[in-house]
Amino acid sequence: MPSGKTHTSLNLFALPFLLFLLISYGFTSWGFLLWFCGGFIAGTYFLSPDLDTRSTPYRAWGPLRVLWYPYQVIMPHRSPLTHMPIIGDVLRVLYFVCVSIPIVHVLDTYVYDVNVKEILMRYKSELVIIFFGIVTASTLHIMVDIMNTKRKRLWKKRRK
């Protein structure tokens, strides 16, 4: 399995090519491209499929990484629940939302006087684009894992 630094480097290397592909397919809105980049970077640094281990993305959460400890206990490493495009991303985002609800509720009620639900509804199309970026980043991560595993198996067969 490649290291976290390798995954991060490959994702960041691929981002300009992905943006070129999006632009060539007609996604030329700067807003779309910026939201996609934000989601892609969040998917690379914070919502990686490797959150099921004590990985670089796990440590990137800083003191908030304790929120991900139950996720690590529940999810076996490289299971289809964590390392499958879309399904793993949906589960990670849903987990994060469920864990964040009490925190957001306290902040919404006692610290800020805003309606979080209203804000989420106002920016639902942007949230979908961010999710698309997260899915793209994790799909690249998973593809690299698969290719590296196949490479190792081929190498083992050749050495025998």
C-alpha atoms as a PDB file:
ATOM      1  CA  MET A   1       0.000   0.000   0.000  1.00  0.00           C
ATOM      2  CA  PRO A   2       1.391   3.436  -0.866  1.00  0.00           C
ATOM      3  CA  SER A   3       2.147   5.824   1.979  1.00  0.00           C
ATOM      4  CA  GLY A   4      -0.101   8.735   2.843  1.00  0.00           C
ATOM      5  CA  LYS A   5       2.441  11.124   1.329  1.00  0.00           C
ATOM      6  CA  THR A   6       2.349   9.162  -1.927  1.00  0.00           C
ATOM      7  CA  HIS A   7      -1.455   9.310  -2.043  1.00  0.00           C
ATOM      8  CA  THR A   8      -1.430  13.029  -1.340  1.00  0.00           C
ATOM      9  CA  SER A   9       1.272  13.708  -3.947  1.00  0.00           C
ATOM     10  CA  LEU A  10      -0.499  11.665  -6.624  1.00  0.00           C
ATOM     11  CA  ASN A  11      -3.829  13.343  -5.935  1.00  0.00           C
ATOM     12  CA  LEU A  12      -2.306  16.823  -6.084  1.00  0.00           C
ATOM     13  CA  PHE A  13      -0.424  15.878  -9.251  1.00  0.00           C
ATOM     14  CA  ALA A  14      -3.681  14.635 -10.836  1.00  0.00           C
ATOM     15  CA  LEU A  15      -5.757  17.701  -9.914  1.00  0.00           C
ATOM     16  CA  PRO A  16      -4.651  19.941 -12.828  1.00  0.00           C
ATOM     17  CA  PHE A  17      -5.352  17.100 -15.272  1.00  0.00           C
ATOM     18  CA  LEU A  18      -8.786  16.562 -13.759  1.00  0.00           C
ATOM     19  CA  LEU A  19      -9.519  20.269 -14.038  1.00  0.00           C
ATOM     20  CA  PHE A  20      -8.415  20.175 -17.679  1.00  0.00           C
ATOM     21  CA  LEU A  21     -10.799  17.249 -18.294  1.00  0.00           C
ATOM     22  CA  LEU A  22     -13.679  19.032 -16.579  1.00  0.00           C
ATOM     23  CA  ILE A  23     -13.071  22.178 -18.617  1.00  0.00           C
ATOM     24  CA  SER A  24     -12.795  20.189 -21.855  1.00  0.00           C
ATOM     25  CA  TYR A  25     -16.148  18.536 -21.079  1.00  0.00           C
ATOM     26  CA  GLY A  26     -17.783  21.937 -20.680  1.00  0.00           C
ATOM     27  CA  PHE A  27     -17.582  22.537 -16.941  1.00  0.00           C
ATOM     28  CA  THR A  28     -16.165  26.034 -17.353  1.00  0.00           C
ATOM     29  CA  SER A  29     -17.833  27.824 -14.444  1.00  0.00           C
ATOM     30  CA  TRP A  30     -15.199  29.151 -12.057  1.00  0.00           C
ATOM     31  CA  GLY A  31     -17.608  28.539  -9.202  1.00  0.00           C
ATOM     32  CA  PHE A  32     -17.985  24.868 -10.122  1.00  0.00           C
ATOM     33  CA  LEU A  33     -14.240  24.401 -10.519  1.00  0.00           C
ATOM     34  CA  LEU A  34     -13.439  26.097  -7.186  1.00  0.00           C
ATOM     35  CA  TRP A  35     -16.040  24.079  -5.262  1.00  0.00           C
ATOM     36  CA  PHE A  36     -14.786  20.897  -6.948  1.00  0.00           C
ATOM     37  CA  CYS A  37     -11.176  21.752  -5.972  1.00  0.00           C
ATOM     38  CA  GLY A  38     -12.297  22.391  -2.407  1.00  0.00           C
ATOM     39  CA  GLY A  39     -14.012  19.015  -2.242  1.00  0.00           C
ATOM     40  CA  PHE A  40     -11.062  17.287  -3.902  1.00  0.00           C
ATOM     41  CA  ILE A  41      -8.604  18.804  -1.430  1.00  0.00           C
ATOM     42  CA  ALA A  42     -10.896  17.962   1.501  1.00  0.00           C
ATOM     43  CA  GLY A  43     -11.159  14.406   0.164  1.00  0.00           C
ATOM     44  CA  THR A  44      -7.383  14.191  -0.137  1.00  0.00           C
ATOM     45  CA  TYR A  45      -6.387  15.682   3.213  1.00  0.00           C
ATOM     46  CA  PHE A  46      -9.350  15.085   5.546  1.00  0.00           C
ATOM     47  CA  LEU A  47     -11.888  12.560   4.198  1.00  0.00           C
ATOM     48  CA  SER A  48      -9.574   9.935   2.756  1.00  0.00           C
ATOM     49  CA  PRO A  49     -10.483   6.232   2.681  1.00  0.00           C
ATOM     50  CA  ASP A  50      -7.575   5.742   5.114  1.00  0.00           C
ATOM     51  CA  LEU A  51      -9.466   7.385   7.983  1.00  0.00           C
ATOM     52  CA  ASP A  52     -10.025   3.821   9.180  1.00  0.00           C
ATOM     53  CA  THR A  53      -6.379   3.773  10.373  1.00  0.00           C
ATOM     54  CA  ARG A  54      -4.096   6.162  12.259  1.00  0.00           C
ATOM     55  CA  SER A  55      -3.103   7.770   8.977  1.00  0.00           C
ATOM     56  CA  THR A  56      -2.034  11.198   7.795  1.00  0.00           C
ATOM     57  CA  PRO A  57      -5.666  12.274   7.144  1.00  0.00           C
ATOM     58  CA  TYR A  58      -6.581  11.074  10.641  1.00  0.00           C
ATOM     59  CA  ARG A  59      -3.778  13.159  12.161  1.00  0.00           C
ATOM     60  CA  ALA A  60      -4.722  16.141   9.960  1.00  0.00           C
ATOM     61  CA  TRP A  61      -7.870  16.552  12.048  1.00  0.00           C
ATOM     62  CA  GLY A  62      -5.686  17.638  14.972  1.00  0.00           C
ATOM     63  CA  PRO A  63      -7.570  17.605  18.275  1.00  0.00           C
ATOM     64  CA  LEU A  64     -10.807  16.801  16.425  1.00  0.00           C
ATOM     65  CA  ARG A  65      -9.405  13.425  15.370  1.00  0.00           C
ATOM     66  CA  VAL A  66     -11.079  11.926  18.448  1.00  0.00           C
ATOM     67  CA  LEU A  67     -14.302  12.226  16.444  1.00  0.00           C
ATOM     68  CA  TRP A  68     -12.915   9.587  14.052  1.00  0.00           C
ATOM     69  CA  TYR A  69     -11.884   7.034  16.681  1.00  0.00           C
ATOM     70  CA  PRO A  70     -15.304   5.262  16.728  1.00  0.00           C
ATOM     71  CA  TYR A  71     -15.162   5.126  12.927  1.00  0.00           C
ATOM     72  CA  GLN A  72     -11.782   3.377  13.129  1.00  0.00           C
ATOM     73  CA  VAL A  73     -13.128   0.863  15.630  1.00  0.00           C
ATOM     74  CA  ILE A  74     -16.225   0.093  13.525  1.00  0.00           C
ATOM     75  CA  MET A  75     -14.675   0.005  10.059  1.00  0.00           C
ATOM     76  CA  PRO A  76     -12.135  -2.668   9.130  1.00  0.00           C
ATOM     77  CA  HIS A  77      -9.236  -1.331   7.051  1.00  0.00           C
ATOM     78  CA  ARG A  78      -9.648  -1.585   3.273  1.00  0.00           C
ATOM     79  CA  SER A  79     -13.110  -3.064   3.582  1.00  0.00           C
ATOM     80  CA  PRO A  80     -15.718  -2.318   0.889  1.00  0.00           C
ATOM     81  CA  LEU A  81     -17.313   0.057   3.374  1.00  0.00           C
ATOM     82  CA  THR A  82     -14.228   2.282   3.376  1.00  0.00           C
ATOM     83  CA  HIS A  83     -12.465   1.547   0.097  1.00  0.00           C
ATOM     84  CA  MET A  84     -15.315   1.547  -2.397  1.00  0.00           C
ATOM     85  CA  PRO A  85     -16.035   4.679  -4.430  1.00  0.00           C
ATOM     86  CA  ILE A  86     -19.238   6.514  -3.524  1.00  0.00           C
ATOM     87  CA  ILE A  87     -20.315   4.010  -0.814  1.00  0.00           C
ATOM     88  CA  GLY A  88     -17.250   4.721   1.329  1.00  0.00           C
ATOM     89  CA  ASP A  89     -17.603   8.451   0.708  1.00  0.00           C
ATOM     90  CA  VAL A  90     -21.284   8.480   1.609  1.00  0.00           C
ATOM     91  CA  LEU A  91     -20.537   6.567   4.813  1.00  0.00           C
ATOM     92  CA  ARG A  92     -17.652   8.893   5.774  1.00  0.00           C
ATOM     93  CA  VAL A  93     -19.694  12.046   5.105  1.00  0.00           C
ATOM     94  CA  LEU A  94     -22.758  10.652   6.913  1.00  0.00           C
ATOM     95  CA  TYR A  95     -20.599   9.621   9.850  1.00  0.00           C
ATOM     96  CA  PHE A  96     -19.058  13.100   9.990  1.00  0.00           C
ATOM     97  CA  VAL A  97     -22.485  14.750   9.796  1.00  0.00           C
ATOM     98  CA  CYS A  98     -23.887  12.527  12.567  1.00  0.00           C
ATOM     99  CA  VAL A  99     -20.914  13.191  14.838  1.00  0.00           C
ATOM    100  CA  SER A 100     -21.021  16.927  14.063  1.00  0.00           C
ATOM    101  CA  ILE A 101     -24.745  17.444  14.695  1.00  0.00           C
ATOM    102  CA  PRO A 102     -24.428  17.918  18.486  1.00  0.00           C
ATOM    103  CA  ILE A 103     -21.502  20.312  18.060  1.00  0.00           C
ATOM    104  CA  VAL A 104     -23.268  22.307  15.348  1.00  0.00           C
ATOM    105  CA  HIS A 105     -26.472  22.370  17.414  1.00  0.00           C
ATOM    106  CA  VAL A 106     -24.666  23.806  20.457  1.00  0.00           C
ATOM    107  CA  LEU A 107     -22.861  26.383  18.319  1.00  0.00           C
ATOM    108  CA  ASP A 108     -26.080  27.244  16.479  1.00  0.00           C
ATOM    109  CA  THR A 109     -28.121  27.593  19.654  1.00  0.00           C
ATOM    110  CA  TYR A 110     -25.723  29.221  22.095  1.00  0.00           C
ATOM    111  CA  VAL A 111     -22.877  30.826  20.154  1.00  0.00           C
ATOM    112  CA  TYR A 112     -24.180  31.869  16.745  1.00  0.00           C
ATOM    113  CA  ASP A 113     -27.670  32.915  15.854  1.00  0.00           C
ATOM    114  CA  VAL A 114     -27.945  31.289  12.417  1.00  0.00           C
ATOM    115  CA  ASN A 115     -30.139  28.623  10.945  1.00  0.00           C
ATOM    116  CA  VAL A 116     -27.755  25.893   9.741  1.00  0.00           C
ATOM    117  CA  LYS A 117     -30.521  24.021   7.912  1.00  0.00           C
ATOM    118  CA  GLU A 118     -31.375  27.155   5.924  1.00  0.00           C
ATOM    119  CA  ILE A 119     -27.715  27.674   5.000  1.00  0.00           C
ATOM    120  CA  LEU A 120     -27.375  24.046   3.876  1.00  0.00           C
ATOM    121  CA  MET A 121     -30.482  24.336   1.704  1.00  0.00           C
ATOM    122  CA  ARG A 122     -29.225  27.567   0.162  1.00  0.00           C
ATOM    123  CA  TYR A 123     -25.924  25.919  -0.836  1.00  0.00           C
ATOM    124  CA  LYS A 124     -27.141  22.423  -1.735  1.00  0.00           C
ATOM    125  CA  SER A 125     -25.800  22.541  -5.308  1.00  0.00           C
ATOM    126  CA  GLU A 126     -22.375  23.612  -4.020  1.00  0.00           C
ATOM    127  CA  LEU A 127     -22.470  20.774  -1.478  1.00  0.00           C
ATOM    128  CA  VAL A 128     -23.146  18.304  -4.295  1.00  0.00           C
ATOM    129  CA  ILE A 129     -20.127  19.649  -6.216  1.00  0.00           C
ATOM    130  CA  ILE A 130     -17.969  19.379  -3.069  1.00  0.00           C
ATOM    131  CA  PHE A 131     -19.127  15.782  -2.645  1.00  0.00           C
ATOM    132  CA  PHE A 132     -18.218  15.115  -6.294  1.00  0.00           C
ATOM    133  CA  GLY A 133     -14.700  16.389  -5.534  1.00  0.00           C
ATOM    134  CA  ILE A 134     -14.462  14.169  -2.436  1.00  0.00           C
ATOM    135  CA  VAL A 135     -15.577  11.120  -4.451  1.00  0.00           C
ATOM    136  CA  THR A 136     -13.040  11.879  -7.181  1.00  0.00           C
ATOM    137  CA  ALA A 137     -10.183  12.180  -4.665  1.00  0.00           C
ATOM    138  CA  SER A 138     -11.068   8.937  -2.908  1.00  0.00           C
ATOM    139  CA  THR A 139     -11.579   7.102  -6.208  1.00  0.00           C
ATOM    140  CA  LEU A 140      -8.036   8.075  -7.211  1.00  0.00           C
ATOM    141  CA  HIS A 141      -6.808   6.885  -3.813  1.00  0.00           C
ATOM    142  CA  ILE A 142      -8.581   3.535  -4.224  1.00  0.00           C
ATOM    143  CA  MET A 143      -7.299   3.087  -7.787  1.00  0.00           C
ATOM    144  CA  VAL A 144      -3.722   3.631  -6.595  1.00  0.00           C
ATOM    145  CA  ASP A 145      -4.247   1.080  -3.803  1.00  0.00           C
ATOM    146  CA  ILE A 146      -5.596  -1.485  -6.284  1.00  0.00           C
ATOM    147  CA  MET A 147      -2.809  -0.906  -8.806  1.00  0.00           C
ATOM    148  CA  ASN A 148      -0.156  -1.168  -6.101  1.00  0.00           C
ATOM    149  CA  THR A 149      -1.646  -4.418  -4.765  1.00  0.00           C
ATOM    150  CA  LYS A 150      -1.719  -5.914  -8.271  1.00  0.00           C
ATOM    151  CA  ARG A 151       1.860  -4.794  -8.864  1.00  0.00           C
ATOM    152  CA  LYS A 152       2.993  -6.496  -5.662  1.00  0.00           C
ATOM    153  CA  ARG A 153       1.194  -9.718  -6.601  1.00  0.00           C
ATOM    154  CA  LEU A 154       2.775  -9.723 -10.053  1.00  0.00           C
ATOM    155  CA  TRP A 155       6.195  -9.132  -8.505  1.00  0.00           C
ATOM    156  CA  LYS A 156       5.713 -12.046  -6.125  1.00  0.00           C
ATOM    157  CA  LYS A 157       4.727 -14.368  -8.998  1.00  0.00           C
ATOM    158  CA  ARG A 158       7.789 -13.377 -11.004  1.00  0.00           C
ATOM    159  CA  ARG A 159      10.135 -13.992  -8.070  1.00  0.00           C
ATOM    160  CA  LYS A 160       8.887 -17.580  -7.585  1.00  0.00           C
END
